[in-house]
Amino acid sequence: MRAAPCGTGCGRTATSYTGPAALTGSERRIAELAAGGRTNSEIGELLHLARRSVETHLTHAYRKLGIRRRAELPAALDRLPVGGK
């Protein structure tokens, strides 16, 4: 007997796709560093990531937070629930 094929997201729990709670740990960490004034290159060096990877994480974070500019990050991150989740 074979198991039925699994659709997208098998084994995952329900998660929010927008808003502060939707950020992954990496997105949150990078967004916090960017909000604190670090450049993408500095963040990449600090976390041993390519600058392009930092840009991708920030792009995803911006979309989830509903913002368009880096200057909006501090206010958007302030909306994070206590404990960051």
PDB file of N, CA and C in Angstrom:
ATOM      1  N   MET A   1       0.849  -1.180   0.000  1.00  0.00           N
ATOM      2  CA  MET A   1       0.000   0.000   0.000  1.00  0.00           C
ATOM      3  C   MET A   1       0.889   1.236   0.000  1.00  0.00           C
ATOM      4  N   ARG A   2       0.609   2.158  -0.914  1.00  0.00           N
ATOM      5  CA  ARG A   2       1.410   3.370  -1.041  1.00  0.00           C
ATOM      6  C   ARG A   2       0.691   4.546  -0.397  1.00  0.00           C
ATOM      7  N   ALA A   3       1.491   5.420   0.169  1.00  0.00           N
ATOM      8  CA  ALA A   3       0.924   6.639   0.750  1.00  0.00           C
ATOM      9  C   ALA A   3       0.482   7.565  -0.376  1.00  0.00           C
ATOM     10  N   ALA A   4      -0.550   8.309  -0.116  1.00  0.00           N
ATOM     11  CA  ALA A   4      -1.032   9.276  -1.097  1.00  0.00           C
ATOM     12  C   ALA A   4       0.034  10.340  -1.309  1.00  0.00           C
ATOM     13  N   PRO A   5       0.176  10.840  -2.549  1.00  0.00           N
ATOM     14  CA  PRO A   5       1.172  11.901  -2.785  1.00  0.00           C
ATOM     15  C   PRO A   5       0.874  13.127  -1.935  1.00  0.00           C
ATOM     16  N   CYS A   6       1.920  13.755  -1.567  1.00  0.00           N
ATOM     17  CA  CYS A   6       1.806  14.907  -0.676  1.00  0.00           C
ATOM     18  C   CYS A   6       1.873  16.194  -1.482  1.00  0.00           C
ATOM     19  N   GLY A   7       1.012  17.140  -1.173  1.00  0.00           N
ATOM     20  CA  GLY A   7       1.015  18.445  -1.836  1.00  0.00           C
ATOM     21  C   GLY A   7       2.058  19.360  -1.235  1.00  0.00           C
ATOM     22  N   THR A   8       2.072  20.585  -1.669  1.00  0.00           N
ATOM     23  CA  THR A   8       3.020  21.579  -1.179  1.00  0.00           C
ATOM     24  C   THR A   8       2.879  21.767   0.324  1.00  0.00           C
ATOM     25  N   GLY A   9       4.004  21.815   1.012  1.00  0.00           N
ATOM     26  CA  GLY A   9       3.986  22.111   2.442  1.00  0.00           C
ATOM     27  C   GLY A   9       3.775  20.906   3.335  1.00  0.00           C
ATOM     28  N   CYS A  10       3.959  19.714   2.839  1.00  0.00           N
ATOM     29  CA  CYS A  10       3.775  18.517   3.666  1.00  0.00           C
ATOM     30  C   CYS A  10       4.690  18.555   4.888  1.00  0.00           C
ATOM     31  N   GLY A  11       4.148  18.215   5.993  1.00  0.00           N
ATOM     32  CA  GLY A  11       4.928  18.183   7.220  1.00  0.00           C
ATOM     33  C   GLY A  11       5.148  19.536   7.859  1.00  0.00           C
ATOM     34  N   ARG A  12       4.639  20.565   7.258  1.00  0.00           N
ATOM     35  CA  ARG A  12       4.797  21.905   7.831  1.00  0.00           C
ATOM     36  C   ARG A  12       3.557  22.269   8.623  1.00  0.00           C
ATOM     37  N   THR A  13       3.777  23.066   9.635  1.00  0.00           N
ATOM     38  CA  THR A  13       2.636  23.579  10.393  1.00  0.00           C
ATOM     39  C   THR A  13       2.154  24.854   9.730  1.00  0.00           C
ATOM     40  N   ALA A  14       0.958  25.247  10.037  1.00  0.00           N
ATOM     41  CA  ALA A  14       0.413  26.473   9.465  1.00  0.00           C
ATOM     42  C   ALA A  14       1.243  27.662   9.929  1.00  0.00           C
ATOM     43  N   THR A  15       1.638  28.495   8.985  1.00  0.00           N
ATOM     44  CA  THR A  15       2.420  29.677   9.322  1.00  0.00           C
ATOM     45  C   THR A  15       1.835  30.883   8.626  1.00  0.00           C
ATOM     46  N   SER A  16       2.207  32.031   9.136  1.00  0.00           N
ATOM     47  CA  SER A  16       1.771  33.286   8.544  1.00  0.00           C
ATOM     48  C   SER A  16       2.711  33.619   7.390  1.00  0.00           C
ATOM     49  N   TYR A  17       2.159  34.092   6.273  1.00  0.00           N
ATOM     50  CA  TYR A  17       2.981  34.423   5.126  1.00  0.00           C
ATOM     51  C   TYR A  17       3.269  35.910   5.001  1.00  0.00           C
ATOM     52  N   THR A  18       2.638  36.718   5.822  1.00  0.00           N
ATOM     53  CA  THR A  18       2.917  38.145   5.838  1.00  0.00           C
ATOM     54  C   THR A  18       2.971  38.632   7.273  1.00  0.00           C
ATOM     55  N   GLY A  19       3.568  39.791   7.456  1.00  0.00           N
ATOM     56  CA  GLY A  19       3.686  40.369   8.789  1.00  0.00           C
ATOM     57  C   GLY A  19       4.945  39.890   9.489  1.00  0.00           C
ATOM     58  N   PRO A  20       5.259  40.499  10.601  1.00  0.00           N
ATOM     59  CA  PRO A  20       6.485  40.187  11.324  1.00  0.00           C
ATOM     60  C   PRO A  20       6.630  38.719  11.711  1.00  0.00           C
ATOM     61  N   ALA A  21       5.537  38.055  12.038  1.00  0.00           N
ATOM     62  CA  ALA A  21       5.618  36.652  12.445  1.00  0.00           C
ATOM     63  C   ALA A  21       6.017  35.743  11.292  1.00  0.00           C
ATOM     64  N   ALA A  22       5.924  36.221  10.062  1.00  0.00           N
ATOM     65  CA  ALA A  22       6.253  35.413   8.890  1.00  0.00           C
ATOM     66  C   ALA A  22       7.752  35.348   8.609  1.00  0.00           C
ATOM     67  N   LEU A  23       8.541  36.209   9.236  1.00  0.00           N
ATOM     68  CA  LEU A  23       9.975  36.233   8.981  1.00  0.00           C
ATOM     69  C   LEU A  23      10.653  34.963   9.469  1.00  0.00           C
ATOM     70  N   THR A  24      11.581  34.465   8.649  1.00  0.00           N
ATOM     71  CA  THR A  24      12.409  33.347   9.100  1.00  0.00           C
ATOM     72  C   THR A  24      13.455  33.904  10.066  1.00  0.00           C
ATOM     73  N   GLY A  25      14.144  33.035  10.751  1.00  0.00           N
ATOM     74  CA  GLY A  25      15.200  33.477  11.656  1.00  0.00           C
ATOM     75  C   GLY A  25      16.268  34.287  10.939  1.00  0.00           C
ATOM     76  N   SER A  26      16.664  33.823   9.750  1.00  0.00           N
ATOM     77  CA  SER A  26      17.688  34.532   8.977  1.00  0.00           C
ATOM     78  C   SER A  26      17.190  35.892   8.519  1.00  0.00           C
ATOM     79  N   GLU A  27      15.959  35.944   8.035  1.00  0.00           N
ATOM     80  CA  GLU A  27      15.392  37.218   7.602  1.00  0.00           C
ATOM     81  C   GLU A  27      15.323  38.200   8.759  1.00  0.00           C
ATOM     82  N   ARG A  28      14.912  37.721   9.909  1.00  0.00           N
ATOM     83  CA  ARG A  28      14.787  38.583  11.086  1.00  0.00           C
ATOM     84  C   ARG A  28      16.157  39.107  11.517  1.00  0.00           C
ATOM     85  N   ARG A  29      17.146  38.211  11.583  1.00  0.00           N
ATOM     86  CA  ARG A  29      18.495  38.590  12.023  1.00  0.00           C
ATOM     87  C   ARG A  29      19.093  39.626  11.069  1.00  0.00           C
ATOM     88  N   ILE A  30      18.961  39.395   9.774  1.00  0.00           N
ATOM     89  CA  ILE A  30      19.512  40.311   8.780  1.00  0.00           C
ATOM     90  C   ILE A  30      18.756  41.645   8.800  1.00  0.00           C
ATOM     91  N   ALA A  31      17.445  41.593   8.919  1.00  0.00           N
ATOM     92  CA  ALA A  31      16.649  42.822   8.977  1.00  0.00           C
ATOM     93  C   ALA A  31      17.022  43.651  10.206  1.00  0.00           C
ATOM     94  N   GLU A  32      17.251  43.000  11.332  1.00  0.00           N
ATOM     95  CA  GLU A  32      17.639  43.724  12.550  1.00  0.00           C
ATOM     96  C   GLU A  32      18.987  44.408  12.371  1.00  0.00           C
ATOM     97  N   LEU A  33      19.938  43.708  11.735  1.00  0.00           N
ATOM     98  CA  LEU A  33      21.248  44.316  11.491  1.00  0.00           C
ATOM     99  C   LEU A  33      21.126  45.501  10.530  1.00  0.00           C
ATOM    100  N   ALA A  34      20.315  45.347   9.487  1.00  0.00           N
ATOM    101  CA  ALA A  34      20.103  46.439   8.533  1.00  0.00           C
ATOM    102  C   ALA A  34      19.414  47.621   9.209  1.00  0.00           C
ATOM    103  N   ALA A  35      18.444  47.334  10.055  1.00  0.00           N
ATOM    104  CA  ALA A  35      17.738  48.394  10.780  1.00  0.00           C
ATOM    105  C   ALA A  35      18.689  49.128  11.722  1.00  0.00           C
ATOM    106  N   GLY A  36      19.707  48.422  12.188  1.00  0.00           N
ATOM    107  CA  GLY A  36      20.694  49.019  13.077  1.00  0.00           C
ATOM    108  C   GLY A  36      21.756  49.835  12.357  1.00  0.00           C
ATOM    109  N   GLY A  37      21.659  49.926  11.028  1.00  0.00           N
ATOM    110  CA  GLY A  37      22.572  50.782  10.284  1.00  0.00           C
ATOM    111  C   GLY A  37      23.681  50.081   9.526  1.00  0.00           C
ATOM    112  N   ARG A  38      23.740  48.768   9.589  1.00  0.00           N
ATOM    113  CA  ARG A  38      24.794  48.051   8.864  1.00  0.00           C
ATOM    114  C   ARG A  38      24.474  47.978   7.377  1.00  0.00           C
ATOM    115  N   THR A  39      25.506  48.008   6.552  1.00  0.00           N
ATOM    116  CA  THR A  39      25.323  47.873   5.111  1.00  0.00           C
ATOM    117  C   THR A  39      25.178  46.396   4.759  1.00  0.00           C
ATOM    118  N   ASN A  40      24.714  46.129   3.533  1.00  0.00           N
ATOM    119  CA  ASN A  40      24.588  44.738   3.094  1.00  0.00           C
ATOM    120  C   ASN A  40      25.939  44.031   3.107  1.00  0.00           C
ATOM    121  N   SER A  41      26.981  44.728   2.690  1.00  0.00           N
ATOM    122  CA  SER A  41      28.324  44.139   2.692  1.00  0.00           C
ATOM    123  C   SER A  41      28.784  43.817   4.107  1.00  0.00           C
ATOM    124  N   GLU A  42      28.532  44.730   5.050  1.00  0.00           N
ATOM    125  CA  GLU A  42      28.909  44.491   6.450  1.00  0.00           C
ATOM    126  C   GLU A  42      28.155  43.296   7.017  1.00  0.00           C
ATOM    127  N   ILE A  43      26.881  43.195   6.714  1.00  0.00           N
ATOM    128  CA  ILE A  43      26.071  42.073   7.199  1.00  0.00           C
ATOM    129  C   ILE A  43      26.603  40.771   6.613  1.00  0.00           C
ATOM    130  N   GLY A  44      26.913  40.786   5.329  1.00  0.00           N
ATOM    131  CA  GLY A  44      27.461  39.600   4.678  1.00  0.00           C
ATOM    132  C   GLY A  44      28.760  39.145   5.330  1.00  0.00           C
ATOM    133  N   GLU A  45      29.645  40.082   5.603  1.00  0.00           N
ATOM    134  CA  GLU A  45      30.913  39.745   6.256  1.00  0.00           C
ATOM    135  C   GLU A  45      30.682  39.194   7.662  1.00  0.00           C
ATOM    136  N   LEU A  46      29.806  39.826   8.395  1.00  0.00           N
ATOM    137  CA  LEU A  46      29.519  39.411   9.770  1.00  0.00           C
ATOM    138  C   LEU A  46      28.940  38.000   9.833  1.00  0.00           C
ATOM    139  N   LEU A  47      28.028  37.692   8.893  1.00  0.00           N
ATOM    140  CA  LEU A  47      27.328  36.402   8.911  1.00  0.00           C
ATOM    141  C   LEU A  47      27.905  35.393   7.923  1.00  0.00           C
ATOM    142  N   HIS A  48      29.006  35.752   7.262  1.00  0.00           N
ATOM    143  CA  HIS A  48      29.656  34.867   6.286  1.00  0.00           C
ATOM    144  C   HIS A  48      28.698  34.493   5.157  1.00  0.00           C
ATOM    145  N   LEU A  49      28.049  35.519   4.598  1.00  0.00           N
ATOM    146  CA  LEU A  49      27.125  35.353   3.482  1.00  0.00           C
ATOM    147  C   LEU A  49      27.564  36.259   2.341  1.00  0.00           C
ATOM    148  N   ALA A  50      27.169  35.886   1.127  1.00  0.00           N
ATOM    149  CA  ALA A  50      27.390  36.761  -0.014  1.00  0.00           C
ATOM    150  C   ALA A  50      26.462  37.972   0.113  1.00  0.00           C
ATOM    151  N   ARG A  51      26.924  39.102  -0.400  1.00  0.00           N
ATOM    152  CA  ARG A  51      26.093  40.311  -0.368  1.00  0.00           C
ATOM    153  C   ARG A  51      24.756  40.055  -1.043  1.00  0.00           C
ATOM    154  N   ARG A  52      24.762  39.301  -2.119  1.00  0.00           N
ATOM    155  CA  ARG A  52      23.520  38.998  -2.840  1.00  0.00           C
ATOM    156  C   ARG A  52      22.560  38.188  -1.971  1.00  0.00           C
ATOM    157  N   SER A  53      23.061  37.306  -1.143  1.00  0.00           N
ATOM    158  CA  SER A  53      22.203  36.545  -0.225  1.00  0.00           C
ATOM    159  C   SER A  53      21.545  37.463   0.789  1.00  0.00           C
ATOM    160  N   VAL A  54      22.303  38.427   1.273  1.00  0.00           N
ATOM    161  CA  VAL A  54      21.759  39.420   2.206  1.00  0.00           C
ATOM    162  C   VAL A  54      20.639  40.195   1.513  1.00  0.00           C
ATOM    163  N   GLU A  55      20.882  40.618   0.279  1.00  0.00           N
ATOM    164  CA  GLU A  55      19.868  41.360  -0.474  1.00  0.00           C
ATOM    165  C   GLU A  55      18.593  40.534  -0.654  1.00  0.00           C
ATOM    166  N   THR A  56      18.755  39.254  -0.938  1.00  0.00           N
ATOM    167  CA  THR A  56      17.595  38.371  -1.123  1.00  0.00           C
ATOM    168  C   THR A  56      16.802  38.232   0.167  1.00  0.00           C
ATOM    169  N   HIS A  57      17.488  38.029   1.284  1.00  0.00           N
ATOM    170  CA  HIS A  57      16.795  37.924   2.574  1.00  0.00           C
ATOM    171  C   HIS A  57      16.045  39.216   2.888  1.00  0.00           C
ATOM    172  N   LEU A  58      16.681  40.359   2.621  1.00  0.00           N
ATOM    173  CA  LEU A  58      16.021  41.638   2.891  1.00  0.00           C
ATOM    174  C   LEU A  58      14.816  41.845   1.973  1.00  0.00           C
ATOM    175  N   THR A  59      14.941  41.458   0.722  1.00  0.00           N
ATOM    176  CA  THR A  59      13.813  41.582  -0.206  1.00  0.00           C
ATOM    177  C   THR A  59      12.623  40.772   0.289  1.00  0.00           C
ATOM    178  N   HIS A  60      12.885  39.548   0.740  1.00  0.00           N
ATOM    179  CA  HIS A  60      11.808  38.714   1.274  1.00  0.00           C
ATOM    180  C   HIS A  60      11.218  39.334   2.543  1.00  0.00           C
ATOM    181  N   ALA A  61      12.074  39.874   3.399  1.00  0.00           N
ATOM    182  CA  ALA A  61      11.596  40.498   4.632  1.00  0.00           C
ATOM    183  C   ALA A  61      10.739  41.727   4.323  1.00  0.00           C
ATOM    184  N   TYR A  62      11.184  42.544   3.378  1.00  0.00           N
ATOM    185  CA  TYR A  62      10.403  43.729   2.999  1.00  0.00           C
ATOM    186  C   TYR A  62       9.020  43.320   2.528  1.00  0.00           C
ATOM    187  N   ARG A  63       8.956  42.304   1.689  1.00  0.00           N
ATOM    188  CA  ARG A  63       7.666  41.862   1.152  1.00  0.00           C
ATOM    189  C   ARG A  63       6.757  41.378   2.283  1.00  0.00           C
ATOM    190  N   LYS A  64       7.307  40.581   3.185  1.00  0.00           N
ATOM    191  CA  LYS A  64       6.510  40.049   4.288  1.00  0.00           C
ATOM    192  C   LYS A  64       6.062  41.142   5.250  1.00  0.00           C
ATOM    193  N   LEU A  65       6.902  42.157   5.423  1.00  0.00           N
ATOM    194  CA  LEU A  65       6.576  43.256   6.337  1.00  0.00           C
ATOM    195  C   LEU A  65       5.729  44.343   5.681  1.00  0.00           C
ATOM    196  N   GLY A  66       5.575  44.260   4.374  1.00  0.00           N
ATOM    197  CA  GLY A  66       4.779  45.255   3.663  1.00  0.00           C
ATOM    198  C   GLY A  66       5.448  46.613   3.585  1.00  0.00           C
ATOM    199  N   ILE A  67       6.779  46.607   3.468  1.00  0.00           N
ATOM    200  CA  ILE A  67       7.526  47.864   3.378  1.00  0.00           C
ATOM    201  C   ILE A  67       8.303  47.897   2.065  1.00  0.00           C
ATOM    202  N   ARG A  68       8.795  49.095   1.716  1.00  0.00           N
ATOM    203  CA  ARG A  68       9.552  49.257   0.471  1.00  0.00           C
ATOM    204  C   ARG A  68      10.952  49.798   0.695  1.00  0.00           C
ATOM    205  N   ARG A  69      11.193  50.369   1.849  1.00  0.00           N
ATOM    206  CA  ARG A  69      12.478  51.028   2.085  1.00  0.00           C
ATOM    207  C   ARG A  69      13.136  50.547   3.370  1.00  0.00           C
ATOM    208  N   ARG A  70      14.452  50.554   3.331  1.00  0.00           N
ATOM    209  CA  ARG A  70      15.254  50.155   4.487  1.00  0.00           C
ATOM    210  C   ARG A  70      14.929  51.024   5.709  1.00  0.00           C
ATOM    211  N   ALA A  71      14.643  52.292   5.478  1.00  0.00           N
ATOM    212  CA  ALA A  71      14.331  53.212   6.580  1.00  0.00           C
ATOM    213  C   ALA A  71      13.065  52.806   7.334  1.00  0.00           C
ATOM    214  N   GLU A  72      12.222  51.989   6.710  1.00  0.00           N
ATOM    215  CA  GLU A  72      10.988  51.544   7.351  1.00  0.00           C
ATOM    216  C   GLU A  72      11.197  50.313   8.243  1.00  0.00           C
ATOM    217  N   LEU A  73      12.374  49.702   8.165  1.00  0.00           N
ATOM    218  CA  LEU A  73      12.629  48.478   8.933  1.00  0.00           C
ATOM    219  C   LEU A  73      12.465  48.635  10.445  1.00  0.00           C
ATOM    220  N   PRO A  74      13.051  49.667  11.068  1.00  0.00           N
ATOM    221  CA  PRO A  74      12.926  49.744  12.531  1.00  0.00           C
ATOM    222  C   PRO A  74      11.473  49.732  13.016  1.00  0.00           C
ATOM    223  N   ALA A  75      10.620  50.512  12.386  1.00  0.00           N
ATOM    224  CA  ALA A  75       9.214  50.559  12.800  1.00  0.00           C
ATOM    225  C   ALA A  75       8.522  49.229  12.538  1.00  0.00           C
ATOM    226  N   ALA A  76       8.837  48.602  11.403  1.00  0.00           N
ATOM    227  CA  ALA A  76       8.222  47.313  11.069  1.00  0.00           C
ATOM    228  C   ALA A  76       8.659  46.231  12.048  1.00  0.00           C
ATOM    229  N   LEU A  77       9.926  46.249  12.440  1.00  0.00           N
ATOM    230  CA  LEU A  77      10.427  45.239  13.372  1.00  0.00           C
ATOM    231  C   LEU A  77       9.899  45.476  14.784  1.00  0.00           C
ATOM    232  N   ASP A  78       9.569  46.722  15.116  1.00  0.00           N
ATOM    233  CA  ASP A  78       8.985  47.013  16.426  1.00  0.00           C
ATOM    234  C   ASP A  78       7.629  46.345  16.597  1.00  0.00           C
ATOM    235  N   ARG A  79       7.014  45.981  15.482  1.00  0.00           N
ATOM    236  CA  ARG A  79       5.714  45.304  15.541  1.00  0.00           C
ATOM    237  C   ARG A  79       5.856  43.817  15.831  1.00  0.00           C
ATOM    238  N   LEU A  80       7.096  43.319  15.935  1.00  0.00           N
ATOM    239  CA  LEU A  80       7.309  41.911  16.247  1.00  0.00           C
ATOM    240  C   LEU A  80       6.767  41.603  17.640  1.00  0.00           C
ATOM    241  N   PRO A  81       6.091  40.475  17.790  1.00  0.00           N
ATOM    242  CA  PRO A  81       5.618  40.086  19.126  1.00  0.00           C
ATOM    243  C   PRO A  81       6.792  39.855  20.070  1.00  0.00           C
ATOM    244  N   VAL A  82       6.541  39.921  21.362  1.00  0.00           N
ATOM    245  CA  VAL A  82       7.575  39.674  22.365  1.00  0.00           C
ATOM    246  C   VAL A  82       8.161  38.303  22.115  1.00  0.00           C
ATOM    247  N   GLY A  83       9.497  38.212  22.144  1.00  0.00           N
ATOM    248  CA  GLY A  83      10.184  36.961  21.888  1.00  0.00           C
ATOM    249  C   GLY A  83      10.488  36.761  20.413  1.00  0.00           C
ATOM    250  N   GLY A  84      10.058  37.705  19.562  1.00  0.00           N
ATOM    251  CA  GLY A  84      10.383  37.637  18.153  1.00  0.00           C
ATOM    252  C   GLY A  84       9.601  36.638  17.346  1.00  0.00           C
ATOM    253  N   LYS A  85       8.544  36.049  17.919  1.00  0.00           N
ATOM    254  CA  LYS A  85       7.761  35.049  17.187  1.00  0.00           C
ATOM    255  C   LYS A  85       6.316  35.414  17.150  1.00  0.00           C
TER     256      LYS A  85
END
